[in-house]
């Protein structure tokens, strides 16, 4: 049984999708050991408490240096014996030091089909605004490993979602979450905990 930490900043809908998947028996080899929020008012903390998962709050601006923040985060993950870190709407940029400490043990969900609409500055509604501005007919979500490059780690899973006439960024965001993010993030967590993700030549290969 692997210990999982989920890093959150807001409402925690992706966290809830994972907790629900766990409750349905879909993540048999993983347990949610802690939820770490960058915002003490994040509703995700309530979701975690309702599921009986320990919570922690780490606010970046309360630390004078990046190193001090890194020390606190890495110490917390070590105390909980974390095997997998999941970024689920986490709005604090992590340093190269943290990424390297959890190389191929930290995953993120991004609301687009990488390499489209990703990298520095592409987060939240901005991703969906960019997709609509470009006029793509298909978008989606990607679960990938985290490395020192924003949205640059090996891709684990992707799922496409159709863009529809009349979509606003908010409508598209909701559809991508419901049809893609909430499906592939819990699945990727389960695959990792089952030992079914292998790295070959820098790429993630899923062994079904």
C-alpha atoms as a PDB file:
ATOM      1  CA  UNK A   1       0.000   0.000   0.000  1.00  0.00           C
ATOM      2  CA  UNK A   2       1.569   3.275  -1.145  1.00  0.00           C
ATOM      3  CA  UNK A   3       1.110   6.529   0.751  1.00  0.00           C
ATOM      4  CA  UNK A   4      -0.253   9.394  -1.354  1.00  0.00           C
ATOM      5  CA  UNK A   5      -0.094  13.139  -0.660  1.00  0.00           C
ATOM      6  CA  UNK A   6      -2.368  15.486  -2.600  1.00  0.00           C
ATOM      7  CA  UNK A   7      -1.353  19.149  -2.935  1.00  0.00           C
ATOM      8  CA  UNK A   8      -4.275  21.539  -3.408  1.00  0.00           C
ATOM      9  CA  UNK A   9      -5.113  25.234  -3.467  1.00  0.00           C
ATOM     10  CA  UNK A  10      -8.844  25.590  -4.042  1.00  0.00           C
ATOM     11  CA  UNK A  11     -12.113  23.705  -4.193  1.00  0.00           C
ATOM     12  CA  UNK A  12     -10.612  20.260  -4.512  1.00  0.00           C
ATOM     13  CA  UNK A  13     -12.840  18.758  -7.204  1.00  0.00           C
ATOM     14  CA  UNK A  14      -9.993  16.597  -8.501  1.00  0.00           C
ATOM     15  CA  UNK A  15      -9.230  15.552  -4.927  1.00  0.00           C
ATOM     16  CA  UNK A  16     -12.877  14.539  -4.530  1.00  0.00           C
ATOM     17  CA  UNK A  17     -12.697  12.485  -7.732  1.00  0.00           C
ATOM     18  CA  UNK A  18      -9.742  10.572  -6.283  1.00  0.00           C
ATOM     19  CA  UNK A  19     -11.375  10.109  -2.876  1.00  0.00           C
ATOM     20  CA  UNK A  20     -14.522   8.820  -4.578  1.00  0.00           C
ATOM     21  CA  UNK A  21     -12.477   6.426  -6.718  1.00  0.00           C
ATOM     22  CA  UNK A  22     -10.746   5.142  -3.590  1.00  0.00           C
ATOM     23  CA  UNK A  23     -14.126   4.642  -1.878  1.00  0.00           C
ATOM     24  CA  UNK A  24     -15.299   2.638  -4.896  1.00  0.00           C
ATOM     25  CA  UNK A  25     -12.282   0.349  -4.595  1.00  0.00           C
ATOM     26  CA  UNK A  26     -10.581   1.678  -7.723  1.00  0.00           C
ATOM     27  CA  UNK A  27      -7.270   2.565  -6.023  1.00  0.00           C
ATOM     28  CA  UNK A  28      -6.667  -0.674  -4.087  1.00  0.00           C
ATOM     29  CA  UNK A  29      -2.921  -0.257  -3.601  1.00  0.00           C
ATOM     30  CA  UNK A  30      -2.843   3.357  -2.468  1.00  0.00           C
ATOM     31  CA  UNK A  31      -4.034   5.290   0.591  1.00  0.00           C
ATOM     32  CA  UNK A  32      -4.425   9.041   0.928  1.00  0.00           C
ATOM     33  CA  UNK A  33      -2.066   9.854   3.777  1.00  0.00           C
ATOM     34  CA  UNK A  34      -2.376  13.639   3.730  1.00  0.00           C
ATOM     35  CA  UNK A  35      -3.736  16.626   1.853  1.00  0.00           C
ATOM     36  CA  UNK A  36      -1.526  19.718   1.799  1.00  0.00           C
ATOM     37  CA  UNK A  37      -3.115  23.087   0.997  1.00  0.00           C
ATOM     38  CA  UNK A  38      -1.378  26.307  -0.016  1.00  0.00           C
ATOM     39  CA  UNK A  39      -4.432  28.224   1.158  1.00  0.00           C
ATOM     40  CA  UNK A  40      -5.887  27.761   4.671  1.00  0.00           C
ATOM     41  CA  UNK A  41      -9.383  28.546   3.329  1.00  0.00           C
ATOM     42  CA  UNK A  42      -9.287  25.967   0.540  1.00  0.00           C
ATOM     43  CA  UNK A  43     -12.498  23.944   0.492  1.00  0.00           C
ATOM     44  CA  UNK A  44     -10.353  20.942  -0.424  1.00  0.00           C
ATOM     45  CA  UNK A  45      -9.386  20.785   3.264  1.00  0.00           C
ATOM     46  CA  UNK A  46     -13.033  20.152   4.171  1.00  0.00           C
ATOM     47  CA  UNK A  47     -13.248  17.405   1.570  1.00  0.00           C
ATOM     48  CA  UNK A  48     -10.168  15.751   3.069  1.00  0.00           C
ATOM     49  CA  UNK A  49     -11.508  15.987   6.636  1.00  0.00           C
ATOM     50  CA  UNK A  50     -14.850  14.532   5.550  1.00  0.00           C
ATOM     51  CA  UNK A  51     -12.960  11.558   4.135  1.00  0.00           C
ATOM     52  CA  UNK A  52     -10.855  11.124   7.277  1.00  0.00           C
ATOM     53  CA  UNK A  53      -7.625  12.229   5.592  1.00  0.00           C
ATOM     54  CA  UNK A  54      -5.041  14.232   7.536  1.00  0.00           C
ATOM     55  CA  UNK A  55      -4.540  17.830   6.425  1.00  0.00           C
ATOM     56  CA  UNK A  56      -1.658  20.280   6.479  1.00  0.00           C
ATOM     57  CA  UNK A  57      -1.369  23.918   5.399  1.00  0.00           C
ATOM     58  CA  UNK A  58       1.809  25.405   3.940  1.00  0.00           C
ATOM     59  CA  UNK A  59       1.600  29.004   2.697  1.00  0.00           C
ATOM     60  CA  UNK A  60       4.561  30.022   0.536  1.00  0.00           C
ATOM     61  CA  UNK A  61       4.542  33.694   1.599  1.00  0.00           C
ATOM     62  CA  UNK A  62       4.996  32.667   5.226  1.00  0.00           C
ATOM     63  CA  UNK A  63       8.504  31.451   4.376  1.00  0.00           C
ATOM     64  CA  UNK A  64      11.280  33.972   3.822  1.00  0.00           C
ATOM     65  CA  UNK A  65      13.096  31.910   1.187  1.00  0.00           C
ATOM     66  CA  UNK A  66      12.342  29.182  -1.331  1.00  0.00           C
ATOM     67  CA  UNK A  67      14.772  26.907   0.507  1.00  0.00           C
ATOM     68  CA  UNK A  68      12.873  27.342   3.773  1.00  0.00           C
ATOM     69  CA  UNK A  69       9.599  26.472   2.031  1.00  0.00           C
ATOM     70  CA  UNK A  70      11.207  23.478   0.324  1.00  0.00           C
ATOM     71  CA  UNK A  71      12.566  22.264   3.665  1.00  0.00           C
ATOM     72  CA  UNK A  72       9.092  22.448   5.199  1.00  0.00           C
ATOM     73  CA  UNK A  73       7.370  20.695   2.294  1.00  0.00           C
ATOM     74  CA  UNK A  74       9.960  17.946   1.938  1.00  0.00           C
ATOM     75  CA  UNK A  75       9.994  17.427   5.713  1.00  0.00           C
ATOM     76  CA  UNK A  76       6.215  17.093   5.772  1.00  0.00           C
ATOM     77  CA  UNK A  77       6.232  14.567   2.918  1.00  0.00           C
ATOM     78  CA  UNK A  78       8.961  12.593   4.659  1.00  0.00           C
ATOM     79  CA  UNK A  79       7.061  12.539   7.963  1.00  0.00           C
ATOM     80  CA  UNK A  80       4.078  11.017   6.196  1.00  0.00           C
ATOM     81  CA  UNK A  81       6.297   8.491   4.350  1.00  0.00           C
ATOM     82  CA  UNK A  82       4.903   9.664   1.016  1.00  0.00           C
ATOM     83  CA  UNK A  83       5.449   7.465  -2.041  1.00  0.00           C
ATOM     84  CA  UNK A  84       3.446   9.530  -4.551  1.00  0.00           C
ATOM     85  CA  UNK A  85       2.715  13.264  -4.677  1.00  0.00           C
ATOM     86  CA  UNK A  86      -0.314  14.391  -6.691  1.00  0.00           C
ATOM     87  CA  UNK A  87      -0.719  18.032  -7.703  1.00  0.00           C
ATOM     88  CA  UNK A  88      -4.461  18.669  -8.019  1.00  0.00           C
ATOM     89  CA  UNK A  89      -5.030  22.335  -8.750  1.00  0.00           C
ATOM     90  CA  UNK A  90      -1.943  23.338  -6.754  1.00  0.00           C
ATOM     91  CA  UNK A  91      -1.129  26.973  -7.566  1.00  0.00           C
ATOM     92  CA  UNK A  92       2.276  27.270  -5.889  1.00  0.00           C
ATOM     93  CA  UNK A  93       5.252  26.769  -8.205  1.00  0.00           C
ATOM     94  CA  UNK A  94       7.492  23.986  -6.941  1.00  0.00           C
ATOM     95  CA  UNK A  95      11.252  24.284  -7.158  1.00  0.00           C
ATOM     96  CA  UNK A  96      13.627  22.082  -9.115  1.00  0.00           C
ATOM     97  CA  UNK A  97      14.848  20.716  -5.784  1.00  0.00           C
ATOM     98  CA  UNK A  98      11.396  19.383  -4.890  1.00  0.00           C
ATOM     99  CA  UNK A  99      10.806  18.045  -8.410  1.00  0.00           C
ATOM    100  CA  UNK A 100      14.099  16.160  -8.306  1.00  0.00           C
ATOM    101  CA  UNK A 101      13.443  14.789  -4.822  1.00  0.00           C
ATOM    102  CA  UNK A 102      10.263  13.159  -6.151  1.00  0.00           C
ATOM    103  CA  UNK A 103      11.375  12.464  -9.708  1.00  0.00           C
ATOM    104  CA  UNK A 104       8.864  10.088 -11.328  1.00  0.00           C
ATOM    105  CA  UNK A 105       6.960  10.071  -8.022  1.00  0.00           C
ATOM    106  CA  UNK A 106       5.071  13.331  -8.528  1.00  0.00           C
ATOM    107  CA  UNK A 107       2.210  13.760 -10.999  1.00  0.00           C
ATOM    108  CA  UNK A 108       0.081  16.667 -12.149  1.00  0.00           C
ATOM    109  CA  UNK A 109      -3.164  17.029 -14.076  1.00  0.00           C
ATOM    110  CA  UNK A 110      -3.248  19.747 -16.748  1.00  0.00           C
ATOM    111  CA  UNK A 111      -6.514  20.815 -18.444  1.00  0.00           C
ATOM    112  CA  UNK A 112      -5.295  20.542 -22.044  1.00  0.00           C
ATOM    113  CA  UNK A 113      -3.696  18.039 -24.373  1.00  0.00           C
ATOM    114  CA  UNK A 114       0.006  18.684 -23.814  1.00  0.00           C
ATOM    115  CA  UNK A 115       1.983  20.038 -25.692  1.00  0.00           C
ATOM    116  CA  UNK A 116      -0.910  22.407 -26.507  1.00  0.00           C
ATOM    117  CA  UNK A 117      -1.759  25.293 -24.177  1.00  0.00           C
ATOM    118  CA  UNK A 118       0.740  24.399 -21.477  1.00  0.00           C
ATOM    119  CA  UNK A 119       3.810  25.757 -19.735  1.00  0.00           C
ATOM    120  CA  UNK A 120       4.404  29.030 -17.917  1.00  0.00           C
ATOM    121  CA  UNK A 121       1.227  31.076 -17.495  1.00  0.00           C
ATOM    122  CA  UNK A 122      -1.191  28.384 -18.635  1.00  0.00           C
ATOM    123  CA  UNK A 123      -3.356  27.501 -15.654  1.00  0.00           C
ATOM    124  CA  UNK A 124      -6.994  27.657 -14.645  1.00  0.00           C
ATOM    125  CA  UNK A 125      -9.370  29.399 -17.031  1.00  0.00           C
ATOM    126  CA  UNK A 126      -6.469  30.814 -19.052  1.00  0.00           C
ATOM    127  CA  UNK A 127      -5.945  27.363 -20.621  1.00  0.00           C
ATOM    128  CA  UNK A 128      -9.534  27.187 -21.843  1.00  0.00           C
ATOM    129  CA  UNK A 129      -9.529  30.816 -22.989  1.00  0.00           C
ATOM    130  CA  UNK A 130      -6.470  30.035 -25.120  1.00  0.00           C
ATOM    131  CA  UNK A 131      -8.069  26.925 -26.610  1.00  0.00           C
ATOM    132  CA  UNK A 132     -11.191  28.882 -27.581  1.00  0.00           C
ATOM    133  CA  UNK A 133      -9.138  31.798 -28.942  1.00  0.00           C
ATOM    134  CA  UNK A 134      -7.211  29.385 -31.159  1.00  0.00           C
ATOM    135  CA  UNK A 135     -10.382  27.694 -32.342  1.00  0.00           C
ATOM    136  CA  UNK A 136      -9.410  24.091 -31.648  1.00  0.00           C
ATOM    137  CA  UNK A 137     -12.165  21.534 -32.108  1.00  0.00           C
ATOM    138  CA  UNK A 138     -10.755  19.109 -29.539  1.00  0.00           C
ATOM    139  CA  UNK A 139      -9.118  19.773 -26.184  1.00  0.00           C
ATOM    140  CA  UNK A 140      -8.847  17.570 -23.097  1.00  0.00           C
ATOM    141  CA  UNK A 141      -6.657  16.798 -20.120  1.00  0.00           C
ATOM    142  CA  UNK A 142      -3.241  15.301 -19.461  1.00  0.00           C
ATOM    143  CA  UNK A 143      -1.751  13.566 -16.441  1.00  0.00           C
ATOM    144  CA  UNK A 144       2.027  13.770 -16.474  1.00  0.00           C
ATOM    145  CA  UNK A 145       5.028  13.378 -14.240  1.00  0.00           C
ATOM    146  CA  UNK A 146       6.402  16.631 -12.814  1.00  0.00           C
ATOM    147  CA  UNK A 147       9.937  17.735 -13.604  1.00  0.00           C
ATOM    148  CA  UNK A 148      11.794  21.052 -13.528  1.00  0.00           C
ATOM    149  CA  UNK A 149      10.039  22.257 -16.722  1.00  0.00           C
ATOM    150  CA  UNK A 150       6.461  23.536 -16.340  1.00  0.00           C
ATOM    151  CA  UNK A 151       4.164  20.849 -17.792  1.00  0.00           C
ATOM    152  CA  UNK A 152       7.242  19.235 -19.307  1.00  0.00           C
ATOM    153  CA  UNK A 153       7.334  15.812 -17.639  1.00  0.00           C
ATOM    154  CA  UNK A 154       6.575  12.453 -19.230  1.00  0.00           C
ATOM    155  CA  UNK A 155       2.925  12.030 -20.203  1.00  0.00           C
ATOM    156  CA  UNK A 156       1.065   9.196 -18.452  1.00  0.00           C
ATOM    157  CA  UNK A 157      -2.529   9.514 -19.689  1.00  0.00           C
ATOM    158  CA  UNK A 158      -4.522  11.846 -21.916  1.00  0.00           C
ATOM    159  CA  UNK A 159      -8.197  12.085 -22.798  1.00  0.00           C
ATOM    160  CA  UNK A 160      -9.766  14.221 -25.499  1.00  0.00           C
ATOM    161  CA  UNK A 161     -12.897  16.328 -25.052  1.00  0.00           C
ATOM    162  CA  UNK A 162     -14.828  17.992 -27.876  1.00  0.00           C
ATOM    163  CA  UNK A 163     -15.162  21.758 -28.025  1.00  0.00           C
ATOM    164  CA  UNK A 164     -18.734  22.757 -28.810  1.00  0.00           C
ATOM    165  CA  UNK A 165     -20.226  25.808 -30.498  1.00  0.00           C
ATOM    166  CA  UNK A 166     -21.098  28.443 -27.949  1.00  0.00           C
ATOM    167  CA  UNK A 167     -18.596  27.244 -25.363  1.00  0.00           C
ATOM    168  CA  UNK A 168     -17.325  29.798 -22.862  1.00  0.00           C
ATOM    169  CA  UNK A 169     -14.102  29.184 -20.915  1.00  0.00           C
ATOM    170  CA  UNK A 170     -16.216  28.289 -17.864  1.00  0.00           C
ATOM    171  CA  UNK A 171     -18.409  25.804 -19.741  1.00  0.00           C
ATOM    172  CA  UNK A 172     -15.379  24.189 -21.384  1.00  0.00           C
ATOM    173  CA  UNK A 173     -13.523  24.019 -18.069  1.00  0.00           C
ATOM    174  CA  UNK A 174     -16.442  22.140 -16.502  1.00  0.00           C
ATOM    175  CA  UNK A 175     -16.703  19.679 -19.396  1.00  0.00           C
ATOM    176  CA  UNK A 176     -12.957  18.967 -19.368  1.00  0.00           C
ATOM    177  CA  UNK A 177     -13.063  18.331 -15.637  1.00  0.00           C
ATOM    178  CA  UNK A 178     -16.094  16.054 -15.759  1.00  0.00           C
ATOM    179  CA  UNK A 179     -15.198  14.109 -18.906  1.00  0.00           C
ATOM    180  CA  UNK A 180     -11.417  13.943 -18.621  1.00  0.00           C
ATOM    181  CA  UNK A 181      -9.691  15.134 -15.430  1.00  0.00           C
ATOM    182  CA  UNK A 182     -11.941  13.280 -12.992  1.00  0.00           C
ATOM    183  CA  UNK A 183     -11.457  10.084 -14.990  1.00  0.00           C
ATOM    184  CA  UNK A 184      -7.757  10.005 -15.871  1.00  0.00           C
ATOM    185  CA  UNK A 185      -6.296  11.410 -12.631  1.00  0.00           C
ATOM    186  CA  UNK A 186      -7.662   8.643 -10.360  1.00  0.00           C
ATOM    187  CA  UNK A 187      -6.747   6.093 -13.043  1.00  0.00           C
ATOM    188  CA  UNK A 188      -3.157   7.356 -13.209  1.00  0.00           C
ATOM    189  CA  UNK A 189      -2.880   7.218  -9.412  1.00  0.00           C
ATOM    190  CA  UNK A 190      -4.123   3.636  -9.426  1.00  0.00           C
ATOM    191  CA  UNK A 191      -1.724   2.637 -12.218  1.00  0.00           C
ATOM    192  CA  UNK A 192       1.202   4.144 -10.304  1.00  0.00           C
ATOM    193  CA  UNK A 193       0.251   2.358  -7.083  1.00  0.00           C
ATOM    194  CA  UNK A 194      -0.106  -0.905  -9.008  1.00  0.00           C
ATOM    195  CA  UNK A 195       3.412  -0.502 -10.425  1.00  0.00           C
ATOM    196  CA  UNK A 196       2.060  -0.333 -13.975  1.00  0.00           C
ATOM    197  CA  UNK A 197       3.885   2.794 -15.158  1.00  0.00           C
ATOM    198  CA  UNK A 198       7.400   2.253 -16.524  1.00  0.00           C
ATOM    199  CA  UNK A 199       9.852   4.853 -17.775  1.00  0.00           C
ATOM    200  CA  UNK A 200      11.492   3.943 -21.074  1.00  0.00           C
ATOM    201  CA  UNK A 201      13.797   6.429 -22.834  1.00  0.00           C
ATOM    202  CA  UNK A 202      12.275   9.257 -20.796  1.00  0.00           C
ATOM    203  CA  UNK A 203       8.713   8.362 -21.753  1.00  0.00           C
ATOM    204  CA  UNK A 204       6.030   6.908 -19.490  1.00  0.00           C
ATOM    205  CA  UNK A 205       4.696   3.551 -20.697  1.00  0.00           C
ATOM    206  CA  UNK A 206       1.546   2.097 -19.142  1.00  0.00           C
ATOM    207  CA  UNK A 207       1.699  -1.671 -18.659  1.00  0.00           C
ATOM    208  CA  UNK A 208      -1.909  -2.859 -18.666  1.00  0.00           C
END
